[in-house]
Amino acid sequence: MLSGIGPRWDLEQLGIPVISDLPGVGENLQDHIGVGGMQFHIDSPVSVVQPRMYVAKSFTQWITLGIGPLTMLGGLD
């Protein structure tokens, strides 16, 4: 909110010039559920490279239905 965009009352209390009074800015912020660093020990080699057929299937799922691994940032979660 240092930009001056946010709830007028909050900005004025902090002495920040109000550019735009937008009450929702800075509200309902949430951390990703994965924050905290879960770690796993894996006994066998793992590859994140997918076969071409799997990539084509994933792309089709994503483009037509909006589902599948391509809906996640990086394709992994």
Foldseek 3Di string as FASTA:
>chain_A
DLVQEEAPVVCVVVVRHHPYHDDCPPPPDDDDPCPPDDDDDDDDDDDPDDPPVVVVVQVVCCVPPNDAQVVDVVSDD
